[in-house]
Amino acid sequence: MNGFPILSIMLLVPALAAAGCLFLDAKGARWLALAATMVDLALGIFLWSNFDIGGAQWQFVERSAPIFGQFGWALGIDGFALLLIMLSVFLMPICIGASWESVTSRVPEYMAAFLFTEVLMIGTFAAQDLFLFYVFFEGGLIPMFLIIGIWGGANRIYASYKFFLYTLLGSLLMLIAMLYMAQQAGTSYIPDLLRHDFPVAAQTWLWLAFFASFAVKMPMWPVHTWLPDAHVQAPTAGSVILAGVLLKLGGYGFLRFSVPMFPQASAELTWLILTLSAIAVIYTSLVALVQNDMKKLIAYSSVAHMAIVTIGLFAFNRQGIEGAMIVMLSHGLVSGALFLCVGIIYDRLHTREIARYGGLAINMPRYAVFFLLFTMASIGLPGTSGFVGEFLALAGTYQVSTWAALLCTTGIILGAAYMLYLYARVAFGDLVHQDVRLMPDLSPRELAMLVPLGLAVLWMGVYPESFLAPMRGDVGKLVARVQSVKPAGDSLPTPGKPVATLAAAETH
């Protein structure tokens, strides 16, 4: 693998295909987009199979001479980036399949936008230059803005501008912080910045600048209000990729920048993260309970699940960080699958109102089985991906803050309430409506989308070691980086007070 630029090729394939789609008709654009995403999936599998677990932290590194100043083309991955790239390339062919029949206008432009989104997602996770990361990170706004604004629902313009402005404004402070970091450290190369000790006095301001961007991306309460509108108005595949991957950019940002680069500030502001996360889990779960729109309900559940990610990351221990990563991967699969399930019946009845359905287990039994599997995974049933991540994240949080762990566990109980309530109203009961009675079961194309997702959810739930092993070394390095400032027990740091020092070494 030495000298083989696999990461650049993974960026080049969808980029060239996106340009090619613009010169084809609708049928040709669909097939080209599917072929390009399948090629990237194959390259991703090759990447995973050749990743040296226990080897160097940064692998498949590509670095050019500086283009101007310190900025240059620099790519490379560690275990965290590997798993999130795999999530991206796994979901993209499914998104193309979900759009095969439902999108009929401006198909070449639609496929090009999705392929361009794949370029930017992979680039964000693989970038090793601070400003290259920023270009990919912010560039992802553009195709998703177009996907929502052109192919979305009735209020798509409002939702697309709200999505764009929220996420753009949050990132301006991050850009200013990046300029300071590059000037202070004398480099914009991320592996070097991870080893640099920024002044303690500056860490809080830098942390808050990055927090302004990542909190909106995740999104965290109370800057989450753009997400339900974006999901409701986005086409099905747009919701899948938005929930499946784009929300993970915020969690990846905390993992890559906030915690390892500003450990002192992260420890001092742990109380803020835990407070906002606990509120988010309970508040958004209660809001989800009263929703009549299926997409909006799943959107609010996404906010609650991503709050579990933040409490796990800021537990500063192995269980919490590993759990947070597994929750991100699981949520990417499960929420994407749930949005697909909504899109499948929306294509038949053209409504997302829960009250319009009922009894689908009678005339759509295969659909009901898959919907039940993903509902159980969202709840966290043992044997599914949801259980592994939430258990680890909450176990790690419990070591840091008992009250935060208990409050977030309460939110998980509420999650079971709204997901089971949703499933009962959609799948069970009598077939009251004649148009619902006539709805056909899953087609071969729809089965081809749901079967891989179902297998992945069960694989992660039954054998999570496949996903834990690639990142275990990186988790150890991250824990070692923040160990000296890690809060101990419930003695969480507060502003203006010294940070508690960990007394015992972290154990596996």
Protein backbone atom coordinates (compact mmCIF):
# COMPACT_ATOMS: atom_id res chain seq x y z
CA MET A 1 0.00 0.00 0.00
CA ASN A 2 3.01 2.34 0.24
CA GLY A 3 2.64 5.12 -2.28
CA PHE A 4 -0.84 4.06 -3.40
CA PRO A 5 -3.09 7.16 -3.02
CA ILE A 6 -6.26 5.30 -2.17
CA LEU A 7 -7.80 8.23 -0.28
CA SER A 8 -7.30 10.60 -3.20
CA ILE A 9 -8.81 7.99 -5.53
CA MET A 10 -11.83 7.68 -3.23
CA LEU A 11 -12.30 11.43 -3.62
CA LEU A 12 -11.64 11.44 -7.35
CA VAL A 13 -14.10 8.68 -8.32
CA PRO A 14 -17.31 10.42 -7.12
CA ALA A 15 -15.98 13.83 -8.20
CA LEU A 16 -15.50 12.65 -11.80
CA ALA A 17 -18.82 10.82 -11.74
CA ALA A 18 -20.58 13.97 -10.47
CA ALA A 19 -19.20 15.90 -13.45
CA GLY A 20 -20.14 13.08 -15.80
CA CYS A 21 -23.74 12.97 -14.55
CA LEU A 22 -24.30 16.51 -15.77
CA PHE A 23 -23.80 15.35 -19.38
CA LEU A 24 -26.13 12.35 -19.22
CA ASP A 25 -29.86 11.78 -19.25
CA ALA A 26 -31.77 10.66 -16.14
CA LYS A 27 -31.25 6.92 -16.69
CA GLY A 28 -27.54 7.29 -17.41
CA ALA A 29 -27.03 9.57 -14.40
CA ARG A 30 -28.68 7.04 -12.08
CA TRP A 31 -26.49 4.18 -13.28
CA LEU A 32 -23.30 6.25 -13.22
CA ALA A 33 -24.01 7.46 -9.68
CA LEU A 34 -24.72 3.92 -8.51
CA ALA A 35 -21.55 2.60 -10.17
CA ALA A 36 -19.39 5.35 -8.64
CA THR A 37 -20.74 4.79 -5.13
CA MET A 38 -20.24 1.03 -5.47
CA VAL A 39 -16.63 1.59 -6.57
CA ASP A 40 -16.07 3.79 -3.51
CA LEU A 41 -17.66 1.12 -1.32
CA ALA A 42 -15.25 -1.46 -2.75
CA LEU A 43 -12.32 0.91 -2.13
CA GLY A 44 -13.57 1.43 1.42
CA ILE A 45 -13.64 -2.33 2.04
CA PHE A 46 -10.12 -2.53 0.63
CA LEU A 47 -9.11 0.31 2.96
CA TRP A 48 -10.58 -1.46 5.99
CA SER A 49 -9.04 -4.83 5.11
CA ASN A 50 -5.58 -3.25 4.75
CA PHE A 51 -5.80 -1.10 7.90
CA ASP A 52 -3.09 -2.25 10.31
CA ILE A 53 -4.75 -2.64 13.70
CA GLY A 54 -2.09 -1.97 16.31
CA GLY A 55 0.16 -0.30 13.75
CA ALA A 56 0.93 3.37 13.25
CA GLN A 57 -1.73 5.84 14.35
CA TRP A 58 -1.89 7.54 10.94
CA GLN A 59 -2.10 5.28 7.92
CA PHE A 60 -2.53 5.75 4.14
CA VAL A 61 -0.91 9.16 4.56
CA GLU A 62 -0.66 11.41 1.49
CA ARG A 63 1.11 14.74 1.90
CA SER A 64 2.16 17.23 -0.75
CA ALA A 65 4.45 20.23 -0.53
CA PRO A 66 2.71 23.38 0.78
CA ILE A 67 0.55 24.95 -1.90
CA PHE A 68 0.62 28.42 -0.39
CA GLY A 69 1.94 29.30 3.02
CA GLN A 70 1.52 26.31 5.33
CA PHE A 71 -1.59 24.99 3.59
CA GLY A 72 -1.15 21.79 1.59
CA TRP A 73 -2.84 18.60 0.43
CA ALA A 74 -2.62 16.22 3.36
CA LEU A 75 -4.74 13.11 3.80
CA GLY A 76 -4.54 10.20 6.23
CA ILE A 77 -6.76 8.20 8.56
CA ASP A 78 -6.76 6.69 12.01
CA GLY A 79 -9.32 4.26 13.42
CA PHE A 80 -11.94 6.94 14.04
CA ALA A 81 -11.76 8.28 10.50
CA LEU A 82 -11.72 4.77 9.02
CA LEU A 83 -15.02 3.81 10.64
CA LEU A 84 -16.77 7.03 9.66
CA ILE A 85 -15.52 6.79 6.07
CA MET A 86 -16.86 3.23 5.95
CA LEU A 87 -20.23 4.48 7.22
CA SER A 88 -20.28 7.11 4.47
CA VAL A 89 -19.44 4.80 1.57
CA PHE A 90 -21.83 2.14 2.91
CA LEU A 91 -24.82 4.50 2.97
CA MET A 92 -24.23 6.24 -0.36
CA PRO A 93 -25.30 3.38 -2.71
CA ILE A 94 -28.39 2.94 -0.54
CA CYS A 95 -29.20 6.63 -0.96
CA ILE A 96 -28.89 6.34 -4.73
CA GLY A 97 -31.22 3.33 -4.65
CA ALA A 98 -33.72 5.22 -2.49
CA SER A 99 -33.83 7.99 -5.11
CA TRP A 100 -34.16 5.65 -8.10
CA GLU A 101 -37.91 6.14 -8.61
CA SER A 102 -38.91 8.89 -6.20
CA VAL A 103 -36.79 11.63 -7.81
CA THR A 104 -37.99 12.40 -11.35
CA SER A 105 -37.00 16.04 -11.90
CA ARG A 106 -33.46 17.23 -12.64
CA VAL A 107 -32.13 13.74 -12.01
CA PRO A 108 -28.58 14.37 -13.35
CA GLU A 109 -28.15 17.41 -11.10
CA TYR A 110 -29.57 15.48 -8.13
CA MET A 111 -27.13 12.60 -8.60
CA ALA A 112 -24.24 15.02 -9.05
CA ALA A 113 -25.16 16.75 -5.78
CA PHE A 114 -25.13 13.45 -3.91
CA LEU A 115 -21.81 12.40 -5.40
CA PHE A 116 -20.32 15.77 -4.49
CA THR A 117 -21.63 15.25 -0.95
CA GLU A 118 -19.72 11.95 -0.80
CA VAL A 119 -16.51 13.71 -1.86
CA LEU A 120 -16.87 16.27 0.91
CA MET A 121 -17.77 13.72 3.61
CA ILE A 122 -14.79 11.48 2.87
CA GLY A 123 -12.53 14.54 2.61
CA THR A 124 -13.64 15.82 6.00
CA PHE A 125 -12.75 12.56 7.75
CA ALA A 126 -9.48 12.08 5.83
CA ALA A 127 -8.14 15.66 5.92
CA GLN A 128 -4.94 16.13 7.91
CA ASP A 129 -4.52 19.83 7.28
CA LEU A 130 -6.50 22.23 9.44
CA PHE A 131 -7.69 24.41 6.57
CA LEU A 132 -8.27 21.49 4.22
CA PHE A 133 -10.56 20.08 6.90
CA TYR A 134 -12.38 23.40 7.05
CA VAL A 135 -12.88 23.48 3.26
CA PHE A 136 -14.39 19.98 3.25
CA PHE A 137 -16.33 20.55 6.48
CA GLU A 138 -18.02 23.72 5.26
CA GLY A 139 -18.27 22.58 1.65
CA GLY A 140 -20.74 19.92 2.73
CA LEU A 141 -23.29 22.69 3.28
CA ILE A 142 -23.55 23.45 -0.43
CA PRO A 143 -24.86 20.18 -1.93
CA MET A 144 -27.18 19.52 1.02
CA PHE A 145 -28.52 23.08 0.76
CA LEU A 146 -29.33 22.36 -2.91
CA ILE A 147 -30.79 18.91 -2.21
CA ILE A 148 -33.20 20.31 0.37
CA GLY A 149 -33.95 23.55 -1.51
CA ILE A 150 -34.59 22.03 -4.95
CA TRP A 151 -35.92 18.52 -4.32
CA GLY A 152 -37.50 19.05 -0.88
CA GLY A 153 -41.08 19.50 0.27
CA ALA A 154 -43.45 22.45 0.25
CA ASN A 155 -41.45 24.54 2.75
CA ARG A 156 -38.06 23.55 1.34
CA ILE A 157 -36.77 27.10 0.83
CA TYR A 158 -37.28 28.05 4.47
CA ALA A 159 -35.75 24.78 5.70
CA SER A 160 -32.73 24.99 3.39
CA TYR A 161 -31.87 28.57 4.35
CA LYS A 162 -32.34 27.81 8.04
CA PHE A 163 -30.02 24.80 7.72
CA PHE A 164 -27.42 26.80 5.80
CA LEU A 165 -27.38 29.88 8.03
CA TYR A 166 -27.31 27.99 11.32
CA THR A 167 -24.36 25.82 10.31
CA LEU A 168 -22.45 28.55 8.45
CA LEU A 169 -22.62 31.14 11.22
CA GLY A 170 -21.52 28.58 13.79
CA SER A 171 -18.37 27.86 11.81
CA LEU A 172 -17.10 31.42 11.38
CA LEU A 173 -15.71 31.49 14.92
CA MET A 174 -14.01 28.15 14.28
CA LEU A 175 -12.18 29.62 11.27
CA ILE A 176 -10.84 32.49 13.41
CA ALA A 177 -9.68 29.97 16.01
CA MET A 178 -7.93 27.92 13.32
CA LEU A 179 -6.01 30.95 12.13
CA TYR A 180 -4.80 31.57 15.67
CA MET A 181 -3.84 27.91 16.14
CA ALA A 182 -1.80 27.79 12.93
CA GLN A 183 -0.01 31.01 13.88
CA GLN A 184 0.64 29.93 17.46
CA ALA A 185 1.81 26.40 16.66
CA GLY A 186 3.60 27.29 13.44
CA THR A 187 1.81 24.54 11.50
CA SER A 188 -1.63 23.60 10.21
CA TYR A 189 -0.83 19.87 10.10
CA ILE A 190 -3.34 18.15 12.38
CA PRO A 191 -1.05 15.35 13.73
CA ASP A 192 1.42 18.04 14.84
CA LEU A 193 -1.35 20.14 16.38
CA LEU A 194 -2.54 17.13 18.38
CA ARG A 195 0.88 17.06 20.09
CA HIS A 196 1.03 20.81 20.63
CA ASP A 197 0.17 22.25 24.04
CA PHE A 198 -1.81 25.43 23.56
CA PRO A 199 -1.68 28.04 26.34
CA VAL A 200 -4.18 27.26 29.08
CA ALA A 201 -5.46 30.85 28.97
CA ALA A 202 -6.31 30.49 25.27
CA GLN A 203 -7.79 27.00 25.42
CA THR A 204 -11.18 28.09 26.73
CA TRP A 205 -11.68 30.61 23.94
CA LEU A 206 -10.50 28.15 21.30
CA TRP A 207 -12.75 25.45 22.73
CA LEU A 208 -15.79 27.76 22.67
CA ALA A 209 -15.05 28.77 19.07
CA PHE A 210 -15.01 25.14 17.94
CA PHE A 211 -18.00 24.38 20.15
CA ALA A 212 -20.05 27.01 18.28
CA SER A 213 -19.59 25.00 15.09
CA PHE A 214 -19.75 21.42 16.33
CA ALA A 215 -22.75 22.00 18.62
CA VAL A 216 -24.81 23.20 15.65
CA LYS A 217 -23.65 20.33 13.43
CA MET A 218 -24.57 17.57 15.89
CA PRO A 219 -26.96 19.33 16.78
CA MET A 220 -27.04 20.01 20.52
CA TRP A 221 -29.86 21.62 22.45
CA PRO A 222 -30.81 24.50 22.12
CA VAL A 223 -29.32 25.03 18.61
CA HIS A 224 -31.10 21.95 17.26
CA THR A 225 -34.17 23.64 15.80
CA TRP A 226 -32.92 23.55 12.20
CA LEU A 227 -32.83 19.74 12.16
CA PRO A 228 -36.57 18.84 12.29
CA ASP A 229 -37.35 21.33 9.51
CA ALA A 230 -34.47 20.07 7.36
CA HIS A 231 -35.49 16.43 7.80
CA VAL A 232 -39.17 17.00 7.12
CA GLN A 233 -38.50 18.95 3.92
CA ALA A 234 -35.57 16.88 2.59
CA PRO A 235 -36.15 14.01 0.17
CA THR A 236 -35.78 10.55 1.68
CA ALA A 237 -32.16 10.06 0.62
CA GLY A 238 -31.34 13.56 1.86
CA SER A 239 -32.65 12.65 5.31
CA VAL A 240 -30.68 9.40 5.26
CA ILE A 241 -27.36 11.07 4.54
CA LEU A 242 -28.10 14.04 6.81
CA ALA A 243 -28.85 11.85 9.82
CA GLY A 244 -26.50 9.05 8.84
CA VAL A 245 -23.29 11.00 8.23
CA LEU A 246 -23.55 14.79 8.31
CA LEU A 247 -24.62 14.90 11.97
CA LYS A 248 -21.52 12.85 12.78
CA LEU A 249 -19.27 15.69 11.62
CA GLY A 250 -19.94 17.45 14.92
CA GLY A 251 -19.06 14.40 16.99
CA TYR A 252 -15.95 13.81 14.89
CA GLY A 253 -14.97 17.44 15.43
CA PHE A 254 -15.19 17.09 19.21
CA LEU A 255 -13.19 13.87 18.99
CA ARG A 256 -10.51 15.22 16.65
CA PHE A 257 -10.11 18.81 17.90
CA SER A 258 -11.90 19.88 21.08
CA VAL A 259 -10.96 17.05 23.43
CA PRO A 260 -7.33 16.28 22.41
CA MET A 261 -6.22 19.80 21.45
CA PHE A 262 -7.86 21.65 24.36
CA PRO A 263 -7.91 19.08 27.18
CA GLN A 264 -7.83 21.62 30.02
CA ALA A 265 -10.78 23.57 28.62
CA SER A 266 -12.64 20.34 27.84
CA ALA A 267 -12.32 19.23 31.46
CA GLU A 268 -13.32 22.62 32.85
CA LEU A 269 -16.39 22.80 30.61
CA THR A 270 -17.51 19.21 31.06
CA TRP A 271 -20.34 20.48 33.25
CA LEU A 272 -21.70 22.45 30.28
CA ILE A 273 -21.66 19.43 27.95
CA LEU A 274 -23.29 17.12 30.48
CA THR A 275 -25.97 19.66 31.36
CA LEU A 276 -26.92 20.41 27.75
CA SER A 277 -26.84 16.73 26.85
CA ALA A 278 -29.06 15.67 29.75
CA ILE A 279 -31.58 18.38 28.86
CA ALA A 280 -31.48 17.34 25.20
CA VAL A 281 -32.12 13.66 25.90
CA ILE A 282 -35.17 14.31 28.07
CA TYR A 283 -36.61 17.38 26.31
CA THR A 284 -36.38 16.10 22.74
CA SER A 285 -37.70 12.69 23.79
CA LEU A 286 -40.78 14.34 25.29
CA VAL A 287 -41.23 16.42 22.15
CA ALA A 288 -40.92 13.27 20.01
CA LEU A 289 -43.72 11.66 22.01
CA VAL A 290 -46.29 14.18 20.77
CA GLN A 291 -45.32 14.29 17.08
CA ASN A 292 -47.82 13.38 14.38
CA ASP A 293 -45.25 13.44 11.54
CA MET A 294 -43.06 10.33 11.36
CA LYS A 295 -40.04 12.17 9.99
CA LYS A 296 -40.22 14.85 12.66
CA LEU A 297 -40.43 12.20 15.38
CA ILE A 298 -37.30 10.45 14.10
CA ALA A 299 -35.56 13.83 13.73
CA TYR A 300 -36.13 14.66 17.40
CA SER A 301 -34.95 11.18 18.35
CA SER A 302 -31.69 11.96 16.49
CA VAL A 303 -31.05 14.92 18.79
CA ALA A 304 -31.52 12.66 21.81
CA HIS A 305 -29.18 9.99 20.45
CA MET A 306 -26.46 12.47 19.56
CA ALA A 307 -26.63 13.79 23.14
CA ILE A 308 -25.55 10.31 24.25
CA VAL A 309 -22.53 10.78 21.97
CA THR A 310 -21.47 14.01 23.67
CA ILE A 311 -21.73 12.69 27.22
CA GLY A 312 -19.69 9.64 26.21
CA LEU A 313 -16.97 11.72 24.58
CA PHE A 314 -16.65 14.00 27.58
CA ALA A 315 -16.48 11.15 30.07
CA PHE A 316 -12.76 11.04 29.16
CA ASN A 317 -12.51 7.29 29.64
CA ARG A 318 -12.25 4.30 27.35
CA GLN A 319 -15.82 3.07 27.81
CA GLY A 320 -17.34 6.49 27.19
CA ILE A 321 -15.33 7.30 24.05
CA GLU A 322 -15.75 3.84 22.53
CA GLY A 323 -19.46 3.97 23.33
CA ALA A 324 -19.81 7.40 21.75
CA MET A 325 -18.20 6.14 18.52
CA ILE A 326 -20.42 3.06 18.42
CA VAL A 327 -23.50 5.24 19.03
CA MET A 328 -22.46 7.41 16.08
CA LEU A 329 -22.05 4.39 13.82
CA SER A 330 -25.23 2.74 15.07
CA HIS A 331 -27.27 5.91 14.75
CA GLY A 332 -25.98 6.37 11.22
CA LEU A 333 -27.31 2.94 10.27
CA VAL A 334 -30.51 2.92 12.32
CA SER A 335 -31.71 6.46 11.69
CA GLY A 336 -30.91 6.08 8.00
CA ALA A 337 -32.93 2.87 7.93
CA LEU A 338 -35.85 4.47 9.78
CA PHE A 339 -35.95 7.36 7.32
CA LEU A 340 -35.92 4.80 4.49
CA CYS A 341 -38.85 3.00 6.11
CA VAL A 342 -40.77 6.28 6.25
CA GLY A 343 -39.85 7.07 2.65
CA ILE A 344 -41.03 3.65 1.43
CA ILE A 345 -44.59 4.12 2.67
CA TYR A 346 -44.54 7.83 1.80
CA ASP A 347 -43.89 6.89 -1.83
CA ARG A 348 -47.07 4.78 -1.72
CA LEU A 349 -49.43 7.09 0.15
CA HIS A 350 -47.71 10.51 -0.06
CA THR A 351 -48.26 11.37 3.58
CA ARG A 352 -46.16 11.09 6.73
CA GLU A 353 -49.07 11.52 9.14
CA ILE A 354 -49.01 8.65 11.61
CA ALA A 355 -52.80 8.60 11.94
CA ARG A 356 -53.21 7.77 8.23
CA TYR A 357 -51.62 4.35 8.69
CA GLY A 358 -52.27 1.32 10.87
CA GLY A 359 -52.32 -2.41 10.30
CA LEU A 360 -49.36 -2.51 7.91
CA ALA A 361 -48.22 -5.80 9.44
CA ILE A 362 -51.23 -7.39 7.73
CA ASN A 363 -50.59 -6.41 4.13
CA MET A 364 -46.87 -5.49 4.35
CA PRO A 365 -45.38 -8.20 6.64
CA ARG A 366 -41.82 -7.96 5.28
CA TYR A 367 -41.87 -4.20 5.76
CA ALA A 368 -43.19 -4.65 9.31
CA VAL A 369 -40.32 -7.02 10.18
CA PHE A 370 -37.63 -4.59 9.03
CA PHE A 371 -39.37 -1.64 10.65
CA LEU A 372 -39.53 -3.59 13.92
CA LEU A 373 -35.81 -4.48 13.74
CA PHE A 374 -34.78 -0.86 13.32
CA THR A 375 -37.24 0.27 15.99
CA MET A 376 -35.72 -2.19 18.46
CA ALA A 377 -32.20 -1.05 17.50
CA SER A 378 -33.19 2.57 18.11
CA ILE A 379 -34.47 1.63 21.55
CA GLY A 380 -31.27 -0.27 22.32
CA LEU A 381 -32.44 -3.89 22.43
CA PRO A 382 -29.56 -6.26 23.35
CA GLY A 383 -28.28 -7.96 20.23
CA THR A 384 -28.60 -4.80 18.14
CA SER A 385 -26.10 -2.02 17.53
CA GLY A 386 -28.01 0.45 19.69
CA PHE A 387 -27.46 -1.51 22.89
CA VAL A 388 -23.68 -1.75 22.60
CA GLY A 389 -23.07 1.97 22.10
CA GLU A 390 -25.53 3.24 24.69
CA PHE A 391 -24.38 0.77 27.33
CA LEU A 392 -20.72 1.71 26.91
CA ALA A 393 -21.42 5.46 26.75
CA LEU A 394 -23.59 5.41 29.87
CA ALA A 395 -21.15 3.14 31.73
CA GLY A 396 -18.38 5.60 30.99
CA THR A 397 -20.54 8.56 31.99
CA TYR A 398 -21.51 6.89 35.26
CA GLN A 399 -17.84 6.90 36.31
CA VAL A 400 -17.79 10.69 35.89
CA SER A 401 -21.26 11.84 36.85
CA THR A 402 -23.97 9.71 38.42
CA TRP A 403 -26.70 12.28 37.88
CA ALA A 404 -25.91 12.73 34.18
CA ALA A 405 -25.97 8.97 33.62
CA LEU A 406 -29.31 8.62 35.44
CA LEU A 407 -30.94 11.49 33.57
CA CYS A 408 -29.79 10.19 30.19
CA THR A 409 -31.02 6.71 31.09
CA THR A 410 -34.43 8.26 31.77
CA GLY A 411 -34.31 9.66 28.26
CA ILE A 412 -33.64 6.18 26.86
CA ILE A 413 -36.78 4.94 28.62
CA LEU A 414 -38.71 7.76 26.96
CA GLY A 415 -37.10 6.71 23.67
CA ALA A 416 -38.62 3.27 24.07
CA ALA A 417 -41.99 4.91 24.69
CA TYR A 418 -42.09 7.05 21.54
CA MET A 419 -40.59 4.42 19.22
CA LEU A 420 -42.93 1.66 20.39
CA TYR A 421 -45.86 4.06 20.23
CA LEU A 422 -44.91 4.92 16.66
CA TYR A 423 -44.59 1.28 15.64
CA ALA A 424 -47.87 0.30 17.29
CA ARG A 425 -49.79 3.03 15.45
CA VAL A 426 -48.22 2.27 12.07
CA ALA A 427 -47.90 -1.52 11.98
CA PHE A 428 -50.54 -2.88 14.37
CA GLY A 429 -54.31 -2.51 14.60
CA ASP A 430 -56.89 -2.90 11.86
CA LEU A 431 -56.61 -1.86 8.24
CA VAL A 432 -59.12 0.94 8.45
CA HIS A 433 -58.17 2.94 5.36
CA GLN A 434 -58.80 1.40 1.96
CA ASP A 435 -55.78 3.07 0.35
CA VAL A 436 -53.54 1.61 3.06
CA ARG A 437 -55.03 -1.83 2.43
CA LEU A 438 -53.94 -1.62 -1.21
CA MET A 439 -50.30 -0.75 -0.46
CA PRO A 440 -47.93 -3.47 -1.78
CA ASP A 441 -45.15 -4.99 0.29
CA LEU A 442 -41.44 -4.33 -0.27
CA SER A 443 -40.15 -4.49 -3.82
CA PRO A 444 -36.81 -6.18 -4.69
CA ARG A 445 -35.17 -2.72 -4.88
CA GLU A 446 -36.43 -1.80 -1.41
CA LEU A 447 -35.31 -5.15 0.00
CA ALA A 448 -31.87 -4.54 -1.50
CA MET A 449 -31.69 -1.31 0.53
CA LEU A 450 -32.98 -2.64 3.86
CA VAL A 451 -31.27 -6.05 4.02
CA PRO A 452 -27.68 -4.67 4.18
CA LEU A 453 -28.72 -2.18 6.86
CA GLY A 454 -30.41 -4.90 8.91
CA LEU A 455 -27.37 -7.18 8.66
CA ALA A 456 -25.02 -4.36 9.68
CA VAL A 457 -27.17 -3.50 12.71
CA LEU A 458 -27.16 -7.14 13.86
CA TRP A 459 -23.43 -7.56 13.12
CA MET A 460 -22.55 -4.56 15.26
CA GLY A 461 -24.84 -5.78 18.04
CA VAL A 462 -23.59 -9.39 18.09
CA TYR A 463 -19.88 -8.83 17.38
CA PRO A 464 -18.95 -5.21 18.19
CA GLU A 465 -15.25 -6.13 18.38
CA SER A 466 -15.09 -5.68 14.59
CA PHE A 467 -15.75 -1.98 15.13
CA LEU A 468 -13.98 -1.52 18.45
CA ALA A 469 -10.64 -3.02 17.38
CA PRO A 470 -9.69 -0.42 14.72
CA MET A 471 -10.13 2.47 17.13
CA ARG A 472 -8.83 0.90 20.34
CA GLY A 473 -5.31 2.28 19.95
CA ASP A 474 -6.62 5.74 19.11
CA VAL A 475 -8.90 5.71 22.14
CA GLY A 476 -5.93 4.84 24.32
CA LYS A 477 -3.91 7.75 22.93
CA LEU A 478 -6.84 10.12 23.44
CA VAL A 479 -7.40 8.98 27.02
CA ALA A 480 -3.68 9.37 27.77
CA ARG A 481 -3.80 12.90 26.32
CA VAL A 482 -6.59 14.06 28.64
CA GLN A 483 -5.84 11.83 31.61
CA SER A 484 -4.08 14.47 33.71
CA VAL A 485 -7.08 16.79 33.60
CA LYS A 486 -9.86 14.22 33.72
CA PRO A 487 -12.61 14.92 36.30
CA ALA A 488 -12.85 12.29 39.01
CA GLY A 489 -16.23 10.93 40.05
CA ASP A 490 -18.96 13.50 40.59
CA SER A 491 -16.45 16.25 41.43
CA LEU A 492 -16.98 17.91 38.06
CA PRO A 493 -14.94 21.05 37.40
CA THR A 494 -16.69 24.39 37.39
CA PRO A 495 -15.57 27.67 35.86
CA GLY A 496 -12.83 29.35 37.87
CA LYS A 497 -11.98 26.30 39.99
CA PRO A 498 -8.97 24.00 39.56
CA VAL A 499 -9.50 20.76 37.68
CA ALA A 500 -9.36 17.50 39.60
CA THR A 501 -6.48 15.21 38.67
CA LEU A 502 -7.10 11.57 37.97
CA ALA A 503 -5.67 9.46 40.77
CA ALA A 504 -5.57 6.08 39.12
CA ALA A 505 -4.40 5.09 35.68
CA GLU A 506 -7.03 4.32 33.08
CA THR A 507 -7.65 0.59 32.76
CA HIS A 508 -9.10 -1.26 29.80
